[in-house]
Amino acid sequence: MTEKEQVVEAVEDTEAEMAAEQPSAEQSEMDAKAELERTRKALAKANQEAAERRLKLQEYEASEQKRKEAEMTELEKARAAAEKAEAERQAALQQASDMVLRSTIYAKAAALGFADPEDAYKMLDTSDLSVEDGEASGVEDALSGLAETKPYLLRAEKKTPPKLNPANPGGGNANAESDDERRRRLGLA
């Protein structure tokens, strides 16, 4: 009988014992405590066996992996190492391209007057953009299109406040008479 079958049989026996020994209304508190203790011991034993089996499985898997590695020829090992190195290289190139694209978008967005270049980067569809030889292409056109469709992303133009005369703060009207005109009108000049 395999270990699995033994465990199943032990569980079935325990269940049968528990069903046969259903506590009656007259059963004392001591009998209930004893039953609870037996159940706890059975559970602890089952947990311990499961833990031992998990350890054995881990050991088996580790030894199987070592066996497979030992069976690999030197050529297979070299191929596996080359594939891993190529995957790492591709990941590094992709990361570098992403950084070039991101920095180009930030720089051009700032130059085109976007209030927050990061917002422009997040809203921009980068699927049409490409990076070749460290240069991003199509960024300016894409940002111009974004500025047309979402003008609220652009900085508001700063309006210069009207010049106010410190002696007459409310009189910033350009049509008002100057000091020289006022002197002539009053006959002081």
N, C-alpha and C. Protein backbone atom coordinates (compact mmCIF):
# COMPACT_ATOMS: atom_id res chain seq x y z
N MET A 1 0.84 -1.17 0.00
CA MET A 1 0.00 0.00 0.00
C MET A 1 0.89 1.24 0.00
N THR A 2 0.54 2.24 -0.81
CA THR A 2 1.35 3.46 -0.89
C THR A 2 1.03 4.36 0.30
N GLU A 3 1.89 5.33 0.48
CA GLU A 3 1.69 6.25 1.62
C GLU A 3 0.39 7.01 1.49
N LYS A 4 0.05 7.37 0.27
CA LYS A 4 -1.20 8.11 0.05
C LYS A 4 -2.40 7.26 0.45
N GLU A 5 -2.38 6.00 0.06
CA GLU A 5 -3.48 5.11 0.42
C GLU A 5 -3.55 4.92 1.92
N GLN A 6 -2.39 4.86 2.59
CA GLN A 6 -2.37 4.72 4.05
C GLN A 6 -2.98 5.94 4.72
N VAL A 7 -2.65 7.13 4.21
CA VAL A 7 -3.18 8.36 4.79
C VAL A 7 -4.69 8.41 4.59
N VAL A 8 -5.16 8.06 3.39
CA VAL A 8 -6.59 8.06 3.11
C VAL A 8 -7.31 7.08 4.03
N GLU A 9 -6.72 5.89 4.22
CA GLU A 9 -7.33 4.88 5.09
C GLU A 9 -7.38 5.38 6.53
N ALA A 10 -6.30 6.04 6.98
CA ALA A 10 -6.26 6.55 8.35
C ALA A 10 -7.32 7.63 8.56
N VAL A 11 -7.50 8.48 7.58
CA VAL A 11 -8.52 9.53 7.68
C VAL A 11 -9.91 8.91 7.70
N GLU A 12 -10.13 7.90 6.84
CA GLU A 12 -11.43 7.23 6.82
C GLU A 12 -11.72 6.54 8.15
N ASP A 13 -10.68 5.89 8.73
CA ASP A 13 -10.86 5.23 10.03
C ASP A 13 -11.21 6.26 11.10
N THR A 14 -10.53 7.39 11.08
CA THR A 14 -10.80 8.43 12.08
C THR A 14 -12.22 8.96 11.92
N GLU A 15 -12.64 9.16 10.67
CA GLU A 15 -14.00 9.64 10.43
C GLU A 15 -15.02 8.61 10.90
N ALA A 16 -14.75 7.32 10.65
CA ALA A 16 -15.66 6.27 11.07
C ALA A 16 -15.75 6.22 12.59
N GLU A 17 -14.61 6.36 13.28
CA GLU A 17 -14.61 6.36 14.74
C GLU A 17 -15.40 7.56 15.27
N MET A 18 -15.23 8.69 14.63
CA MET A 18 -15.92 9.88 15.09
C MET A 18 -17.43 9.75 14.87
N ALA A 19 -17.83 9.13 13.76
CA ALA A 19 -19.25 8.94 13.48
C ALA A 19 -19.85 7.94 14.46
N ALA A 20 -19.11 6.88 14.79
CA ALA A 20 -19.61 5.86 15.71
C ALA A 20 -19.71 6.39 17.13
N GLU A 21 -18.84 7.31 17.47
CA GLU A 21 -18.81 7.81 18.84
C GLU A 21 -19.43 9.19 18.93
N GLN A 22 -20.57 9.40 18.29
CA GLN A 22 -21.26 10.68 18.39
C GLN A 22 -21.62 10.91 19.85
N PRO A 23 -21.30 12.09 20.34
CA PRO A 23 -21.59 12.34 21.76
C PRO A 23 -23.11 12.36 22.00
N SER A 24 -23.50 11.67 23.04
CA SER A 24 -24.92 11.66 23.42
C SER A 24 -25.18 12.83 24.36
N ALA A 25 -26.41 13.03 24.65
CA ALA A 25 -26.79 14.16 25.50
C ALA A 25 -26.23 14.00 26.90
N GLU A 26 -26.03 12.73 27.33
CA GLU A 26 -25.54 12.50 28.70
C GLU A 26 -24.02 12.49 28.79
N GLN A 27 -23.34 12.58 27.67
CA GLN A 27 -21.87 12.49 27.69
C GLN A 27 -21.32 13.66 28.48
N SER A 28 -20.39 13.39 29.28
CA SER A 28 -19.87 14.43 30.17
C SER A 28 -18.89 15.35 29.44
N GLU A 29 -18.60 16.40 30.10
CA GLU A 29 -17.67 17.39 29.53
C GLU A 29 -16.29 16.79 29.35
N MET A 30 -15.91 15.87 30.19
CA MET A 30 -14.59 15.24 30.11
C MET A 30 -14.48 14.41 28.82
N ASP A 31 -15.55 13.72 28.45
CA ASP A 31 -15.52 12.93 27.23
C ASP A 31 -15.36 13.84 26.00
N ALA A 32 -16.04 14.99 26.01
CA ALA A 32 -15.95 15.93 24.89
C ALA A 32 -14.54 16.49 24.78
N LYS A 33 -13.92 16.81 25.93
CA LYS A 33 -12.55 17.31 25.92
C LYS A 33 -11.58 16.25 25.42
N ALA A 34 -11.80 15.01 25.81
CA ALA A 34 -10.93 13.93 25.36
C ALA A 34 -11.06 13.74 23.85
N GLU A 35 -12.28 13.81 23.34
CA GLU A 35 -12.50 13.69 21.90
C GLU A 35 -11.82 14.83 21.14
N LEU A 36 -11.95 16.05 21.69
CA LEU A 36 -11.30 17.21 21.08
C LEU A 36 -9.78 17.03 21.06
N GLU A 37 -9.24 16.50 22.14
CA GLU A 37 -7.79 16.29 22.22
C GLU A 37 -7.33 15.25 21.20
N ARG A 38 -8.10 14.16 21.04
CA ARG A 38 -7.76 13.13 20.04
C ARG A 38 -7.79 13.72 18.63
N THR A 39 -8.78 14.56 18.37
CA THR A 39 -8.89 15.18 17.05
C THR A 39 -7.71 16.11 16.80
N ARG A 40 -7.34 16.86 17.81
CA ARG A 40 -6.19 17.76 17.67
C ARG A 40 -4.90 16.98 17.41
N LYS A 41 -4.72 15.87 18.11
CA LYS A 41 -3.53 15.05 17.92
C LYS A 41 -3.51 14.46 16.51
N ALA A 42 -4.66 14.01 16.02
CA ALA A 42 -4.73 13.45 14.67
C ALA A 42 -4.41 14.53 13.63
N LEU A 43 -4.92 15.74 13.85
CA LEU A 43 -4.63 16.84 12.93
C LEU A 43 -3.15 17.20 12.96
N ALA A 44 -2.56 17.25 14.16
CA ALA A 44 -1.14 17.57 14.27
C ALA A 44 -0.30 16.50 13.56
N LYS A 45 -0.69 15.24 13.70
CA LYS A 45 0.04 14.16 13.04
C LYS A 45 -0.07 14.29 11.51
N ALA A 46 -1.27 14.57 11.03
CA ALA A 46 -1.47 14.72 9.58
C ALA A 46 -0.68 15.92 9.06
N ASN A 47 -0.65 17.02 9.81
CA ASN A 47 0.13 18.19 9.40
C ASN A 47 1.61 17.88 9.37
N GLN A 48 2.09 17.13 10.34
CA GLN A 48 3.51 16.77 10.38
C GLN A 48 3.87 15.88 9.19
N GLU A 49 3.01 14.92 8.87
CA GLU A 49 3.26 14.06 7.72
C GLU A 49 3.26 14.87 6.43
N ALA A 50 2.34 15.80 6.31
CA ALA A 50 2.28 16.64 5.11
C ALA A 50 3.54 17.48 4.98
N ALA A 51 4.03 18.02 6.10
CA ALA A 51 5.25 18.82 6.07
C ALA A 51 6.45 17.97 5.64
N GLU A 52 6.52 16.75 6.16
CA GLU A 52 7.61 15.86 5.78
C GLU A 52 7.56 15.54 4.28
N ARG A 53 6.37 15.34 3.77
CA ARG A 53 6.23 15.03 2.35
C ARG A 53 6.59 16.23 1.48
N ARG A 54 6.24 17.43 1.94
CA ARG A 54 6.63 18.63 1.19
C ARG A 54 8.14 18.75 1.12
N LEU A 55 8.81 18.47 2.23
CA LEU A 55 10.28 18.53 2.23
C LEU A 55 10.86 17.49 1.28
N LYS A 56 10.30 16.29 1.30
CA LYS A 56 10.79 15.25 0.39
C LYS A 56 10.58 15.66 -1.06
N LEU A 57 9.44 16.26 -1.35
CA LEU A 57 9.16 16.71 -2.71
C LEU A 57 10.14 17.78 -3.15
N GLN A 58 10.43 18.73 -2.26
CA GLN A 58 11.40 19.78 -2.59
C GLN A 58 12.78 19.18 -2.85
N GLU A 59 13.17 18.23 -2.03
CA GLU A 59 14.47 17.58 -2.22
C GLU A 59 14.49 16.84 -3.56
N TYR A 60 13.40 16.16 -3.88
CA TYR A 60 13.32 15.42 -5.13
C TYR A 60 13.41 16.38 -6.31
N GLU A 61 12.67 17.48 -6.26
CA GLU A 61 12.71 18.45 -7.36
C GLU A 61 14.10 19.05 -7.54
N ALA A 62 14.78 19.34 -6.43
CA ALA A 62 16.13 19.90 -6.51
C ALA A 62 17.10 18.88 -7.12
N SER A 63 16.99 17.62 -6.70
CA SER A 63 17.89 16.61 -7.24
C SER A 63 17.59 16.35 -8.72
N GLU A 64 16.31 16.44 -9.11
CA GLU A 64 15.94 16.27 -10.52
C GLU A 64 16.52 17.40 -11.36
N GLN A 65 16.48 18.63 -10.84
CA GLN A 65 17.05 19.77 -11.56
C GLN A 65 18.56 19.60 -11.72
N LYS A 66 19.22 19.16 -10.66
CA LYS A 66 20.67 18.94 -10.75
C LYS A 66 20.99 17.83 -11.75
N ARG A 67 20.16 16.79 -11.77
CA ARG A 67 20.39 15.69 -12.70
C ARG A 67 20.24 16.19 -14.14
N LYS A 68 19.24 17.01 -14.40
CA LYS A 68 19.04 17.54 -15.75
C LYS A 68 20.21 18.42 -16.16
N GLU A 69 20.69 19.25 -15.23
CA GLU A 69 21.84 20.10 -15.54
C GLU A 69 23.08 19.26 -15.82
N ALA A 70 23.25 18.19 -15.09
CA ALA A 70 24.41 17.33 -15.29
C ALA A 70 24.34 16.63 -16.64
N GLU A 71 23.14 16.31 -17.10
CA GLU A 71 22.98 15.64 -18.39
C GLU A 71 23.20 16.59 -19.56
N MET A 72 23.06 17.88 -19.33
CA MET A 72 23.24 18.84 -20.42
C MET A 72 24.69 18.82 -20.89
N THR A 73 24.86 18.88 -22.16
CA THR A 73 26.22 18.93 -22.69
C THR A 73 26.75 20.35 -22.56
N GLU A 74 28.01 20.50 -22.79
CA GLU A 74 28.62 21.83 -22.70
C GLU A 74 28.01 22.77 -23.73
N LEU A 75 27.69 22.24 -24.90
CA LEU A 75 27.10 23.05 -25.95
C LEU A 75 25.72 23.55 -25.51
N GLU A 76 24.93 22.68 -24.91
CA GLU A 76 23.60 23.08 -24.44
C GLU A 76 23.72 24.14 -23.33
N LYS A 77 24.70 23.96 -22.47
CA LYS A 77 24.91 24.94 -21.40
C LYS A 77 25.28 26.29 -22.00
N ALA A 78 26.15 26.27 -23.01
CA ALA A 78 26.58 27.51 -23.66
C ALA A 78 25.39 28.17 -24.37
N ARG A 79 24.56 27.36 -25.03
CA ARG A 79 23.37 27.90 -25.70
C ARG A 79 22.42 28.55 -24.68
N ALA A 80 22.21 27.86 -23.58
CA ALA A 80 21.32 28.40 -22.55
C ALA A 80 21.86 29.72 -22.00
N ALA A 81 23.17 29.78 -21.78
CA ALA A 81 23.78 31.01 -21.28
C ALA A 81 23.68 32.13 -22.32
N ALA A 82 23.86 31.77 -23.61
CA ALA A 82 23.76 32.78 -24.68
C ALA A 82 22.33 33.30 -24.80
N GLU A 83 21.35 32.42 -24.68
CA GLU A 83 19.94 32.85 -24.74
C GLU A 83 19.62 33.78 -23.58
N LYS A 84 20.12 33.45 -22.42
CA LYS A 84 19.88 34.30 -21.24
C LYS A 84 20.54 35.67 -21.44
N ALA A 85 21.76 35.69 -21.94
CA ALA A 85 22.47 36.95 -22.17
C ALA A 85 21.75 37.79 -23.23
N GLU A 86 21.25 37.14 -24.28
CA GLU A 86 20.52 37.87 -25.33
C GLU A 86 19.23 38.47 -24.78
N ALA A 87 18.53 37.73 -23.94
CA ALA A 87 17.30 38.25 -23.33
C ALA A 87 17.61 39.46 -22.45
N GLU A 88 18.69 39.38 -21.69
CA GLU A 88 19.09 40.51 -20.84
C GLU A 88 19.48 41.72 -21.69
N ARG A 89 20.18 41.47 -22.81
CA ARG A 89 20.58 42.56 -23.70
C ARG A 89 19.35 43.24 -24.31
N GLN A 90 18.38 42.45 -24.75
CA GLN A 90 17.16 43.02 -25.32
C GLN A 90 16.41 43.84 -24.28
N ALA A 91 16.36 43.35 -23.05
CA ALA A 91 15.68 44.10 -21.99
C ALA A 91 16.40 45.42 -21.73
N ALA A 92 17.73 45.42 -21.73
CA ALA A 92 18.49 46.65 -21.51
C ALA A 92 18.30 47.63 -22.66
N LEU A 93 18.28 47.14 -23.90
CA LEU A 93 18.04 48.01 -25.05
C LEU A 93 16.65 48.63 -25.00
N GLN A 94 15.67 47.84 -24.62
CA GLN A 94 14.30 48.36 -24.51
C GLN A 94 14.22 49.43 -23.43
N GLN A 95 14.87 49.19 -22.31
CA GLN A 95 14.87 50.16 -21.23
C GLN A 95 15.56 51.46 -21.67
N ALA A 96 16.67 51.35 -22.39
CA ALA A 96 17.37 52.54 -22.87
C ALA A 96 16.51 53.30 -23.88
N SER A 97 15.84 52.59 -24.77
CA SER A 97 14.96 53.24 -25.75
C SER A 97 13.82 53.97 -25.05
N ASP A 98 13.26 53.33 -24.04
CA ASP A 98 12.18 53.97 -23.28
C ASP A 98 12.66 55.24 -22.60
N MET A 99 13.87 55.22 -22.06
CA MET A 99 14.41 56.40 -21.39
C MET A 99 14.67 57.52 -22.39
N VAL A 100 15.21 57.19 -23.57
CA VAL A 100 15.46 58.20 -24.61
C VAL A 100 14.14 58.81 -25.05
N LEU A 101 13.15 57.98 -25.29
CA LEU A 101 11.84 58.46 -25.73
C LEU A 101 11.21 59.36 -24.67
N ARG A 102 11.27 58.94 -23.44
CA ARG A 102 10.68 59.71 -22.34
C ARG A 102 11.36 61.07 -22.20
N SER A 103 12.69 61.09 -22.22
CA SER A 103 13.39 62.36 -22.05
C SER A 103 13.16 63.28 -23.25
N THR A 104 13.07 62.72 -24.45
CA THR A 104 12.79 63.53 -25.63
C THR A 104 11.40 64.14 -25.54
N ILE A 105 10.43 63.35 -25.13
CA ILE A 105 9.06 63.86 -24.98
C ILE A 105 9.03 64.97 -23.94
N TYR A 106 9.70 64.77 -22.82
CA TYR A 106 9.72 65.81 -21.77
C TYR A 106 10.32 67.11 -22.31
N ALA A 107 11.45 67.00 -23.01
CA ALA A 107 12.14 68.20 -23.51
C ALA A 107 11.30 68.93 -24.55
N LYS A 108 10.75 68.19 -25.49
CA LYS A 108 9.96 68.83 -26.56
C LYS A 108 8.65 69.38 -26.01
N ALA A 109 8.06 68.69 -25.03
CA ALA A 109 6.81 69.18 -24.44
C ALA A 109 7.05 70.50 -23.71
N ALA A 110 8.16 70.59 -23.01
CA ALA A 110 8.49 71.84 -22.32
C ALA A 110 8.73 72.95 -23.34
N ALA A 111 9.41 72.63 -24.44
CA ALA A 111 9.69 73.64 -25.47
C ALA A 111 8.41 74.09 -26.18
N LEU A 112 7.44 73.21 -26.32
CA LEU A 112 6.18 73.55 -26.99
C LEU A 112 5.19 74.25 -26.06
N GLY A 113 5.53 74.39 -24.79
CA GLY A 113 4.70 75.15 -23.87
C GLY A 113 3.70 74.33 -23.07
N PHE A 114 3.93 73.04 -22.92
CA PHE A 114 3.05 72.24 -22.08
C PHE A 114 3.29 72.63 -20.62
N ALA A 115 2.21 72.74 -19.86
CA ALA A 115 2.32 73.12 -18.45
C ALA A 115 3.05 72.05 -17.66
N ASP A 116 2.75 70.79 -17.93
CA ASP A 116 3.39 69.69 -17.23
C ASP A 116 3.81 68.63 -18.25
N PRO A 117 5.10 68.55 -18.58
CA PRO A 117 5.55 67.58 -19.58
C PRO A 117 5.21 66.13 -19.21
N GLU A 118 5.12 65.84 -17.94
CA GLU A 118 4.79 64.47 -17.53
C GLU A 118 3.36 64.12 -17.95
N ASP A 119 2.44 65.09 -17.84
CA ASP A 119 1.07 64.85 -18.30
C ASP A 119 1.06 64.60 -19.80
N ALA A 120 1.85 65.35 -20.54
CA ALA A 120 1.94 65.16 -21.99
C ALA A 120 2.46 63.76 -22.29
N TYR A 121 3.46 63.30 -21.55
CA TYR A 121 4.02 61.96 -21.75
C TYR A 121 2.97 60.89 -21.48
N LYS A 122 2.22 61.06 -20.40
CA LYS A 122 1.22 60.06 -20.04
C LYS A 122 0.08 60.00 -21.04
N MET A 123 -0.29 61.14 -21.61
CA MET A 123 -1.42 61.17 -22.53
C MET A 123 -1.03 60.88 -23.98
N LEU A 124 0.23 60.90 -24.27
CA LEU A 124 0.70 60.73 -25.64
C LEU A 124 0.69 59.24 -26.01
N ASP A 125 0.21 58.95 -27.21
CA ASP A 125 0.23 57.58 -27.73
C ASP A 125 1.62 57.33 -28.30
N THR A 126 2.42 56.54 -27.61
CA THR A 126 3.81 56.32 -28.00
C THR A 126 3.97 55.15 -28.97
N SER A 127 2.86 54.52 -29.37
CA SER A 127 2.98 53.37 -30.26
C SER A 127 3.50 53.77 -31.65
N ASP A 128 3.25 55.02 -32.07
CA ASP A 128 3.71 55.47 -33.39
C ASP A 128 5.12 56.05 -33.36
N LEU A 129 5.68 56.20 -32.18
CA LEU A 129 7.01 56.81 -32.05
C LEU A 129 8.07 55.71 -32.07
N SER A 130 9.26 56.07 -32.56
CA SER A 130 10.33 55.09 -32.61
C SER A 130 11.65 55.73 -32.19
N VAL A 131 12.56 54.88 -31.74
CA VAL A 131 13.89 55.33 -31.35
C VAL A 131 14.89 54.56 -32.19
N GLU A 132 15.69 55.30 -32.97
CA GLU A 132 16.71 54.68 -33.79
C GLU A 132 18.03 55.41 -33.56
N ASP A 133 19.05 54.65 -33.26
CA ASP A 133 20.39 55.20 -33.02
C ASP A 133 20.37 56.27 -31.93
N GLY A 134 19.57 56.07 -30.92
CA GLY A 134 19.52 57.00 -29.80
C GLY A 134 18.73 58.27 -30.06
N GLU A 135 18.02 58.35 -31.18
CA GLU A 135 17.22 59.52 -31.52
C GLU A 135 15.76 59.11 -31.66
N ALA A 136 14.88 59.85 -31.01
CA ALA A 136 13.45 59.59 -31.09
C ALA A 136 12.88 60.35 -32.28
N SER A 137 12.01 59.70 -33.04
CA SER A 137 11.42 60.36 -34.20
C SER A 137 9.90 60.39 -34.06
N GLY A 138 9.31 61.47 -34.59
CA GLY A 138 7.87 61.63 -34.58
C GLY A 138 7.32 62.26 -33.31
N VAL A 139 8.18 62.65 -32.41
CA VAL A 139 7.73 63.18 -31.12
C VAL A 139 7.08 64.55 -31.28
N GLU A 140 7.72 65.42 -32.05
CA GLU A 140 7.19 66.78 -32.18
C GLU A 140 5.82 66.80 -32.84
N ASP A 141 5.64 65.97 -33.88
CA ASP A 141 4.34 65.90 -34.55
C ASP A 141 3.27 65.37 -33.59
N ALA A 142 3.62 64.34 -32.84
CA ALA A 142 2.66 63.76 -31.90
C ALA A 142 2.29 64.78 -30.82
N LEU A 143 3.26 65.53 -30.32
CA LEU A 143 2.98 66.53 -29.30
C LEU A 143 2.15 67.67 -29.86
N SER A 144 2.39 68.06 -31.11
CA SER A 144 1.59 69.12 -31.73
C SER A 144 0.14 68.66 -31.86
N GLY A 145 -0.05 67.42 -32.25
CA GLY A 145 -1.40 66.86 -32.33
C GLY A 145 -2.08 66.83 -30.98
N LEU A 146 -1.32 66.48 -29.96
CA LEU A 146 -1.87 66.45 -28.60
C LEU A 146 -2.24 67.86 -28.15
N ALA A 147 -1.42 68.84 -28.50
CA ALA A 147 -1.71 70.23 -28.12
C ALA A 147 -2.98 70.72 -28.80
N GLU A 148 -3.22 70.27 -30.03
CA GLU A 148 -4.43 70.69 -30.74
C GLU A 148 -5.67 70.03 -30.14
N THR A 149 -5.57 68.76 -29.78
CA THR A 149 -6.74 68.05 -29.26
C THR A 149 -6.99 68.35 -27.78
N LYS A 150 -5.95 68.67 -27.05
CA LYS A 150 -6.09 68.94 -25.62
C LYS A 150 -5.35 70.23 -25.25
N PRO A 151 -5.89 71.37 -25.66
CA PRO A 151 -5.19 72.64 -25.44
C PRO A 151 -5.07 73.02 -23.96
N TYR A 152 -5.86 72.42 -23.12
CA TYR A 152 -5.77 72.73 -21.70
C TYR A 152 -4.48 72.23 -21.06
N LEU A 153 -3.72 71.42 -21.79
CA LEU A 153 -2.43 70.96 -21.27
C LEU A 153 -1.34 72.01 -21.44
N LEU A 154 -1.61 73.02 -22.26
CA LEU A 154 -0.62 74.06 -22.51
C LEU A 154 -0.65 75.11 -21.41
N ARG A 155 0.50 75.77 -21.23
CA ARG A 155 0.59 76.86 -20.26
C ARG A 155 -0.27 78.02 -20.72
N ALA A 156 -0.93 78.65 -19.77
CA ALA A 156 -1.70 79.86 -20.10
C ALA A 156 -0.72 81.00 -20.31
N GLU A 157 -1.03 81.84 -21.30
CA GLU A 157 -0.15 82.98 -21.57
C GLU A 157 -0.24 83.96 -20.41
N LYS A 158 0.90 84.45 -20.01
CA LYS A 158 0.93 85.43 -18.92
C LYS A 158 0.65 86.81 -19.49
N LYS A 159 -0.35 87.44 -18.94
CA LYS A 159 -0.68 88.79 -19.37
C LYS A 159 0.01 89.76 -18.42
N THR A 160 0.63 90.76 -19.00
CA THR A 160 1.29 91.74 -18.15
C THR A 160 0.22 92.68 -17.59
N PRO A 161 0.30 92.97 -16.33
CA PRO A 161 -0.71 93.85 -15.73
C PRO A 161 -0.53 95.29 -16.26
N PRO A 162 -1.58 96.05 -16.29
CA PRO A 162 -1.45 97.43 -16.77
C PRO A 162 -0.56 98.23 -15.82
N LYS A 163 0.14 99.20 -16.40
CA LYS A 163 1.00 100.05 -15.58
C LYS A 163 0.13 101.03 -14.81
N LEU A 164 0.39 101.09 -13.55
CA LEU A 164 -0.39 101.98 -12.69
C LEU A 164 0.51 103.11 -12.20
N ASN A 165 -0.06 104.24 -12.12
CA ASN A 165 0.63 105.40 -11.58
C ASN A 165 0.54 105.30 -10.06
N PRO A 166 1.65 105.32 -9.34
CA PRO A 166 1.59 105.20 -7.89
C PRO A 166 0.80 106.34 -7.24
N ALA A 167 0.79 107.49 -7.87
CA ALA A 167 0.04 108.61 -7.30
C ALA A 167 -1.45 108.47 -7.58
N ASN A 168 -1.78 107.72 -8.63
CA ASN A 168 -3.18 107.53 -8.99
C ASN A 168 -3.38 106.05 -9.35
N PRO A 169 -3.50 105.16 -8.34
CA PRO A 169 -3.56 103.73 -8.61
C PRO A 169 -4.77 103.33 -9.44
N GLY A 170 -5.85 104.03 -9.40
CA GLY A 170 -7.03 103.67 -10.16
C GLY A 170 -6.97 104.20 -11.57
N GLY A 171 -6.04 105.02 -11.87
CA GLY A 171 -6.01 105.67 -13.18
C GLY A 171 -5.04 105.01 -14.11
N GLY A 172 -5.23 103.79 -14.45
CA GLY A 172 -4.34 103.12 -15.37
C GLY A 172 -4.83 103.27 -16.80
N ASN A 173 -5.68 104.19 -17.06
CA ASN A 173 -6.25 104.38 -18.39
C ASN A 173 -5.23 105.06 -19.29
N ALA A 174 -5.00 104.48 -20.45
CA ALA A 174 -4.01 105.03 -21.37
C ALA A 174 -4.52 106.30 -22.04
N ASN A 175 -5.81 106.54 -22.06
CA ASN A 175 -6.38 107.72 -22.69
C ASN A 175 -6.38 108.94 -21.77
N ALA A 176 -5.96 108.74 -20.55
CA ALA A 176 -5.96 109.85 -19.59
C ALA A 176 -4.85 110.83 -19.96
N GLU A 177 -4.99 112.07 -19.51
CA GLU A 177 -3.97 113.07 -19.83
C GLU A 177 -2.73 112.86 -18.99
N SER A 178 -1.61 113.22 -19.55
CA SER A 178 -0.35 113.06 -18.86
C SER A 178 -0.14 114.21 -17.89
N ASP A 179 0.91 114.14 -17.10
CA ASP A 179 1.20 115.20 -16.14
C ASP A 179 1.48 116.52 -16.86
N ASP A 180 2.21 116.48 -17.97
CA ASP A 180 2.53 117.70 -18.72
C ASP A 180 1.24 118.33 -19.26
N GLU A 181 0.35 117.52 -19.78
CA GLU A 181 -0.91 118.04 -20.31
C GLU A 181 -1.75 118.67 -19.20
N ARG A 182 -1.74 118.02 -18.08
CA ARG A 182 -2.51 118.52 -16.94
C ARG A 182 -1.96 119.88 -16.48
N ARG A 183 -0.64 120.07 -16.44
CA ARG A 183 -0.01 121.34 -16.03
C ARG A 183 -0.38 122.46 -17.01
N ARG A 184 -0.35 122.12 -18.32
CA ARG A 184 -0.73 123.13 -19.32
C ARG A 184 -2.20 123.52 -19.18
N ARG A 185 -3.04 122.52 -18.95
CA ARG A 185 -4.47 122.80 -18.82
C ARG A 185 -4.74 123.69 -17.61
N LEU A 186 -4.02 123.48 -16.55
CA LEU A 186 -4.22 124.25 -15.33
C LEU A 186 -3.44 125.58 -15.35
N GLY A 187 -2.61 125.75 -16.35
CA GLY A 187 -1.86 126.98 -16.49
C GLY A 187 -0.63 127.01 -15.62
N LEU A 188 -0.12 125.93 -15.23
CA LEU A 188 1.05 125.89 -14.38
C LEU A 188 2.33 125.72 -15.20
N ALA A 189 2.21 125.46 -16.43
CA ALA A 189 3.41 125.25 -17.20
C ALA A 189 3.72 126.35 -18.15
